[in-house]
Protein backbone atom coordinates (compact mmCIF):
# COMPACT_ATOMS: atom_id res chain seq x y z
CA UNK A 1 73.29 43.35 115.44
CA UNK A 2 75.29 43.14 112.23
CA UNK A 3 77.77 45.75 113.54
CA UNK A 4 78.32 43.73 116.72
CA UNK A 5 78.90 40.58 114.65
CA UNK A 6 81.51 42.36 112.55
CA UNK A 7 83.36 43.44 115.68
CA UNK A 8 83.28 39.95 117.16
CA UNK A 9 84.63 38.48 113.92
CA UNK A 10 87.42 41.08 113.88
CA UNK A 11 88.32 40.32 117.47
CA UNK A 12 88.26 36.56 116.94
CA UNK A 13 90.60 37.07 114.00
CA UNK A 14 92.87 39.19 116.14
CA UNK A 15 92.84 36.62 118.90
CA UNK A 16 93.73 33.76 116.59
CA UNK A 17 96.35 35.46 114.47
CA UNK A 18 98.14 38.17 116.45
CA UNK A 19 99.64 36.15 119.26
CA UNK A 20 103.21 37.16 119.87
CA UNK A 21 104.94 34.20 121.58
CA UNK A 22 107.41 36.55 123.24
CA UNK A 23 104.62 38.50 124.93
CA UNK A 24 101.51 36.32 125.01
CA UNK A 25 102.24 34.56 128.27
CA UNK A 26 99.62 34.14 130.96
CA UNK A 27 97.44 37.24 131.06
CA UNK A 28 99.92 39.44 129.20
CA UNK A 29 98.19 40.76 126.04
CA UNK A 30 99.91 40.47 122.66
CA UNK A 31 98.96 43.97 121.56
CA UNK A 32 98.62 47.09 123.72
CA UNK A 33 97.04 50.29 122.42
CA UNK A 34 97.96 53.27 124.61
CA UNK A 35 95.29 55.96 124.45
CA UNK A 36 94.28 59.19 126.17
CA UNK A 37 91.27 59.78 128.42
CA UNK A 38 89.37 62.06 126.09
CA UNK A 39 88.29 62.11 122.43
CA UNK A 40 90.98 59.56 121.52
CA UNK A 41 89.33 56.91 123.72
CA UNK A 42 85.80 58.24 123.19
CA UNK A 43 86.14 57.46 119.51
CA UNK A 44 87.38 53.93 120.23
CA UNK A 45 84.62 53.18 122.74
CA UNK A 46 82.74 50.70 120.53
CA UNK A 47 85.99 48.86 119.88
CA UNK A 48 86.77 48.87 123.62
CA UNK A 49 83.30 47.49 124.36
CA UNK A 50 83.62 44.78 121.72
CA UNK A 51 86.98 43.64 123.10
CA UNK A 52 85.41 43.38 126.54
CA UNK A 53 82.31 41.53 125.33
CA UNK A 54 84.35 39.06 123.31
CA UNK A 55 86.61 38.30 126.26
CA UNK A 56 89.64 38.98 124.09
CA UNK A 57 92.80 38.94 126.21
CA UNK A 58 95.22 39.32 123.32
CA UNK A 59 94.52 43.00 122.82
CA UNK A 60 94.25 45.69 125.49
CA UNK A 61 93.52 49.41 125.31
CA UNK A 62 95.20 51.26 128.18
CA UNK A 63 93.87 54.75 128.87
CA UNK A 64 95.96 57.55 130.41
CA UNK A 65 95.35 61.12 131.57
CA UNK A 66 98.39 62.77 129.99
CA UNK A 67 100.37 62.32 126.73
CA UNK A 68 103.64 61.89 128.65
CA UNK A 69 102.24 58.61 130.04
CA UNK A 70 101.53 57.35 126.53
CA UNK A 71 105.01 58.41 125.47
CA UNK A 72 106.51 56.33 128.27
CA UNK A 73 104.89 53.14 126.95
CA UNK A 74 106.17 53.92 123.47
CA UNK A 75 109.70 54.54 124.73
CA UNK A 76 109.91 51.39 126.86
CA UNK A 77 108.45 49.19 124.10
CA UNK A 78 105.28 48.27 125.98
CA UNK A 79 102.81 49.64 123.41
CA UNK A 80 102.33 48.50 119.83
CA UNK A 81 99.86 51.30 119.03
CA UNK A 82 99.56 54.76 120.59
CA UNK A 83 97.39 57.86 120.42
CA UNK A 84 99.00 61.18 121.37
CA UNK A 85 99.36 64.75 120.02
CA UNK A 86 100.65 64.85 116.46
CA UNK A 87 103.39 67.29 117.45
CA UNK A 88 104.66 64.88 120.11
CA UNK A 89 104.47 62.02 117.59
CA UNK A 90 106.69 64.05 115.26
CA UNK A 91 109.22 64.68 118.05
CA UNK A 92 109.43 60.98 118.91
CA UNK A 93 109.79 59.98 115.27
CA UNK A 94 112.53 62.56 114.71
CA UNK A 95 114.36 61.12 117.72
CA UNK A 96 114.44 57.74 116.00
CA UNK A 97 111.58 55.94 117.74
CA UNK A 98 110.36 53.15 115.48
CA UNK A 99 106.71 54.27 115.24
CA UNK A 100 104.88 55.52 112.17
CA UNK A 101 101.72 57.56 111.71
CA UNK A 102 98.78 55.49 110.47
CA UNK A 103 95.80 57.81 111.02
CA UNK A 104 94.45 61.07 112.39
CA UNK A 105 91.37 60.30 114.54
CA UNK A 106 90.76 63.71 116.21
CA UNK A 107 90.65 67.04 114.38
CA UNK A 108 90.76 69.81 116.95
CA UNK A 109 89.12 69.96 120.38
CA UNK A 110 90.21 73.42 121.61
CA UNK A 111 88.00 76.31 122.70
CA UNK A 112 88.63 79.66 124.35
CA UNK A 113 86.18 79.48 127.23
CA UNK A 114 84.93 81.65 130.06
CA UNK A 115 82.04 83.58 131.55
CA UNK A 116 82.53 86.87 129.68
CA UNK A 117 80.08 86.57 126.79
CA UNK A 118 80.77 90.16 125.73
CA UNK A 119 83.89 88.78 123.99
CA UNK A 120 82.85 88.44 120.37
CA UNK A 121 85.95 89.40 118.36
CA UNK A 122 89.68 88.76 118.68
CA UNK A 123 90.15 92.47 119.34
CA UNK A 124 88.07 92.04 122.51
CA UNK A 125 90.93 89.95 123.96
CA UNK A 126 93.38 92.84 124.00
CA UNK A 127 95.00 93.19 127.46
CA UNK A 128 93.02 90.23 128.83
CA UNK A 129 94.57 87.53 131.03
CA UNK A 130 94.11 84.14 129.39
CA UNK A 131 95.13 80.86 130.98
CA UNK A 132 96.71 78.12 128.90
CA UNK A 133 97.77 74.77 130.31
CA UNK A 134 101.48 74.65 129.39
CA UNK A 135 103.88 76.67 127.29
CA UNK A 136 104.82 75.19 123.90
CA UNK A 137 102.19 72.43 124.11
CA UNK A 138 99.67 72.23 121.24
CA UNK A 139 96.92 74.41 122.82
CA UNK A 140 99.42 77.15 123.61
CA UNK A 141 101.04 77.11 120.18
CA UNK A 142 97.71 77.02 118.35
CA UNK A 143 96.30 79.87 120.41
CA UNK A 144 99.36 82.10 120.07
CA UNK A 145 99.41 81.47 116.32
CA UNK A 146 95.76 82.50 116.03
CA UNK A 147 96.41 85.65 118.09
CA UNK A 148 99.13 86.70 115.65
CA UNK A 149 96.99 85.87 112.63
CA UNK A 150 94.22 88.03 114.07
CA UNK A 151 96.46 91.05 114.69
CA UNK A 152 97.38 90.59 118.35
CA UNK A 153 100.88 90.28 119.78
CA UNK A 154 100.80 87.46 122.35
CA UNK A 155 103.94 88.84 124.03
CA UNK A 156 102.75 92.43 124.45
CA UNK A 157 98.99 92.73 124.00
CA UNK A 158 97.79 89.59 125.81
CA UNK A 159 98.66 88.25 129.26
CA UNK A 160 99.20 84.53 128.83
CA UNK A 161 99.09 82.78 132.20
CA UNK A 162 100.53 79.25 132.64
CA UNK A 163 99.72 78.91 136.35
CA UNK A 164 97.70 75.72 135.85
CA UNK A 165 100.02 73.19 134.16
CA UNK A 166 97.64 70.36 133.16
CA UNK A 167 94.26 70.10 131.41
CA UNK A 168 92.64 69.04 134.69
CA UNK A 169 94.24 71.84 136.74
CA UNK A 170 93.10 74.46 134.24
CA UNK A 171 89.60 73.00 133.95
CA UNK A 172 89.18 73.09 137.73
CA UNK A 173 90.40 76.69 137.82
CA UNK A 174 87.94 77.81 135.12
CA UNK A 175 85.07 75.96 136.80
CA UNK A 176 85.89 77.63 140.13
CA UNK A 177 86.24 81.08 138.60
CA UNK A 178 89.96 81.28 139.42
CA UNK A 179 90.76 81.51 135.71
CA UNK A 180 88.38 83.91 133.96
CA UNK A 181 89.43 82.90 130.45
CA UNK A 182 91.06 79.62 129.50
CA UNK A 183 91.91 77.52 126.47
CA UNK A 184 90.13 74.25 127.22
CA UNK A 185 89.97 71.05 125.23
CA UNK A 186 87.11 68.61 125.12
CA UNK A 187 85.95 66.79 127.18
CA UNK A 188 87.25 69.16 129.88
CA UNK A 189 85.10 71.98 128.49
CA UNK A 190 81.91 69.92 128.82
CA UNK A 191 82.90 68.91 132.36
CA UNK A 192 83.47 72.55 133.29
CA UNK A 193 80.15 73.65 131.76
CA UNK A 194 78.38 70.99 133.80
CA UNK A 195 79.92 72.36 137.01
CA UNK A 196 79.61 76.05 136.19
CA UNK A 197 76.59 77.02 134.07
CA UNK A 198 78.08 80.48 133.44
CA UNK A 199 81.04 79.12 131.43
CA UNK A 200 80.63 79.00 127.66
CA UNK A 201 82.85 78.34 124.62
CA UNK A 202 83.64 81.83 123.34
CA UNK A 203 85.83 80.98 120.33
CA UNK A 204 85.97 77.65 118.51
CA UNK A 205 89.72 77.59 117.91
CA UNK A 206 89.37 74.66 115.53
CA UNK A 207 87.13 76.53 113.09
CA UNK A 208 89.24 79.67 113.54
CA UNK A 209 92.34 77.69 112.55
CA UNK A 210 90.55 76.24 109.53
CA UNK A 211 89.42 79.72 108.52
CA UNK A 212 92.95 81.10 108.85
CA UNK A 213 94.99 78.20 107.45
CA UNK A 214 92.55 76.47 105.12
CA UNK A 215 93.20 73.10 106.79
CA UNK A 216 91.78 71.51 109.96
CA UNK A 217 93.85 70.84 113.07
CA UNK A 218 95.34 67.36 112.71
CA UNK A 219 95.55 67.26 116.49
CA UNK A 220 95.86 63.59 117.42
CA UNK A 221 98.10 60.94 115.88
CA UNK A 222 97.40 57.21 115.82
CA UNK A 223 100.83 55.58 115.74
CA UNK A 224 101.97 52.01 115.19
CA UNK A 225 105.28 50.30 115.88
CA UNK A 226 107.34 49.71 112.74
CA UNK A 227 107.96 46.04 113.56
CA UNK A 228 104.21 45.33 113.64
CA UNK A 229 103.68 47.19 110.38
CA UNK A 230 106.45 45.20 108.71
CA UNK A 231 105.76 41.76 110.13
CA UNK A 232 102.00 41.69 110.69
CA UNK A 233 100.33 44.11 108.25
CA UNK A 234 97.12 42.10 108.22
CA UNK A 235 96.70 42.60 111.97
CA UNK A 236 97.35 46.33 111.56
CA UNK A 237 94.64 46.51 108.91
CA UNK A 238 92.12 44.73 111.13
CA UNK A 239 92.81 47.11 114.01
CA UNK A 240 92.67 50.18 111.77
CA UNK A 241 89.35 49.00 110.32
CA UNK A 242 87.92 48.32 113.78
CA UNK A 243 88.94 51.80 114.96
CA UNK A 244 87.54 53.37 111.80
CA UNK A 245 84.17 51.73 112.35
CA UNK A 246 84.19 52.63 116.04
CA UNK A 247 84.65 56.36 115.40
CA UNK A 248 81.92 56.32 112.75
CA UNK A 249 79.56 54.52 115.14
CA UNK A 250 80.18 57.10 117.88
CA UNK A 251 79.28 59.94 115.52
CA UNK A 252 76.23 58.09 114.13
CA UNK A 253 74.88 56.96 117.52
CA UNK A 254 76.03 59.59 120.07
CA UNK A 255 73.42 58.67 122.70
CA UNK A 256 74.48 55.01 122.74
CA UNK A 257 78.12 56.04 122.56
CA UNK A 258 77.68 58.35 125.55
CA UNK A 259 76.32 55.44 127.59
CA UNK A 260 79.43 53.37 126.80
CA UNK A 261 81.75 56.29 127.49
CA UNK A 262 80.29 56.47 131.00
CA UNK A 263 80.29 52.68 131.48
CA UNK A 264 84.02 52.50 130.77
CA UNK A 265 84.82 55.51 132.99
CA UNK A 266 86.01 57.81 130.23
CA UNK A 267 83.58 60.47 131.48
CA UNK A 268 81.46 60.59 134.64
CA UNK A 269 77.97 61.18 133.28
CA UNK A 270 75.81 60.77 130.19
CA UNK A 271 75.01 64.46 129.68
CA UNK A 272 78.67 65.48 129.65
CA UNK A 273 79.58 62.67 127.24
CA UNK A 274 76.71 63.48 124.88
CA UNK A 275 77.58 67.20 124.82
CA UNK A 276 81.28 66.50 124.32
CA UNK A 277 80.95 64.22 121.27
CA UNK A 278 80.05 66.85 118.63
CA UNK A 279 82.67 69.31 119.93
CA UNK A 280 85.42 66.66 119.85
CA UNK A 281 85.65 66.54 116.04
CA UNK A 282 86.33 62.81 115.82
CA UNK A 283 86.91 61.53 112.29
CA UNK A 284 89.24 58.59 111.70
CA UNK A 285 91.20 59.34 108.50
CA UNK A 286 94.09 57.19 107.30
CA UNK A 287 97.31 59.17 107.14
CA UNK A 288 98.16 57.90 103.64
CA UNK A 289 95.07 59.75 102.34
CA UNK A 290 96.04 63.13 103.81
CA UNK A 291 99.82 63.36 103.49
CA UNK A 292 99.73 66.97 102.30
CA UNK A 293 97.38 68.12 105.08
CA UNK A 294 99.57 66.52 107.76
CA UNK A 295 102.75 67.99 106.34
CA UNK A 296 101.16 71.45 106.02
CA UNK A 297 99.93 71.25 109.62
CA UNK A 298 103.39 70.34 110.96
CA UNK A 299 105.02 72.94 108.72
CA UNK A 300 103.09 75.72 110.46
CA UNK A 301 104.56 74.61 113.79
CA UNK A 302 108.01 74.22 112.25
CA UNK A 303 107.96 77.82 111.00
CA UNK A 304 106.93 79.07 114.45
CA UNK A 305 109.50 77.02 116.36
CA UNK A 306 111.19 73.88 114.94
CA UNK A 307 111.60 72.41 118.43
CA UNK A 308 107.82 71.96 118.72
CA UNK A 309 107.99 69.10 116.21
CA UNK A 310 111.48 67.80 116.99
CA UNK A 311 113.71 70.23 115.10
CA UNK A 312 112.67 69.29 111.56
CA UNK A 313 109.79 68.13 109.46
CA UNK A 314 109.58 64.31 109.66
CA UNK A 315 110.62 62.56 106.46
CA UNK A 316 108.23 60.74 104.12
CA UNK A 317 108.56 57.47 106.01
CA UNK A 318 106.75 59.05 108.97
CA UNK A 319 103.41 58.31 107.29
CA UNK A 320 102.42 54.69 106.71
């Protein structure tokens, strides 16, 4: 009850103090948070529910299937806050977009998955065909990096197949048996396992990365528009705090969180949502507290191919 009261107070404060006269007209919300239909929005589900229960029309969380849709709202100025892959956030910042990184809410959701449970070691992947959603996107880059680190040449000793270009396409292919091995992210992995009981996570790529690099995968960036940070820092702090509490609540009360995730159409059923939560590695950490970890994460990509993060490491102003 106390948690709900805190959320309502936060939302009332947002409603009374974050109205932007240029945007708050009619039903147009003052603040839009663009998020992704997966762990990004799963972690915010308590916040989403509280906004709905409080009838707050000054803040809206819009949920999209693909990062490119979030990017569009950032580019056209529609969104004040956005959640998208950290590598894409770096690209946009390096191109001069006036957004800064305020937190990392998701720390790796990628798993090599399939039906072949005889695969126990990296060496067992030699000469195997493995499907990845898209070349040079985060799952592809992470997986190829781990192949190299574990003594396999991704160009010569592995057949990387990019036939299924989106998370959903690849998930459907793995579920149907069209792709025998695939790099899947949560919650797609849990959805696939629900449809095909023979599919299992074979390698936890997140723990493999941590083992190899000594740092977790800072996979998802929570970004905020520079003008909001400069002009309304108190509103930013209230939203950050609400998101922080939401992610903690999801991890502390996964059964209740799963019910909300289904209610708000993030995932189709309670079992899938409940299974996906622990594999989604949600932990809302303010970027200012982990500057070195973020820079080290991006530096790995930079050394592989600078274009993956926008041609250069973002400067110090990237992190708020």
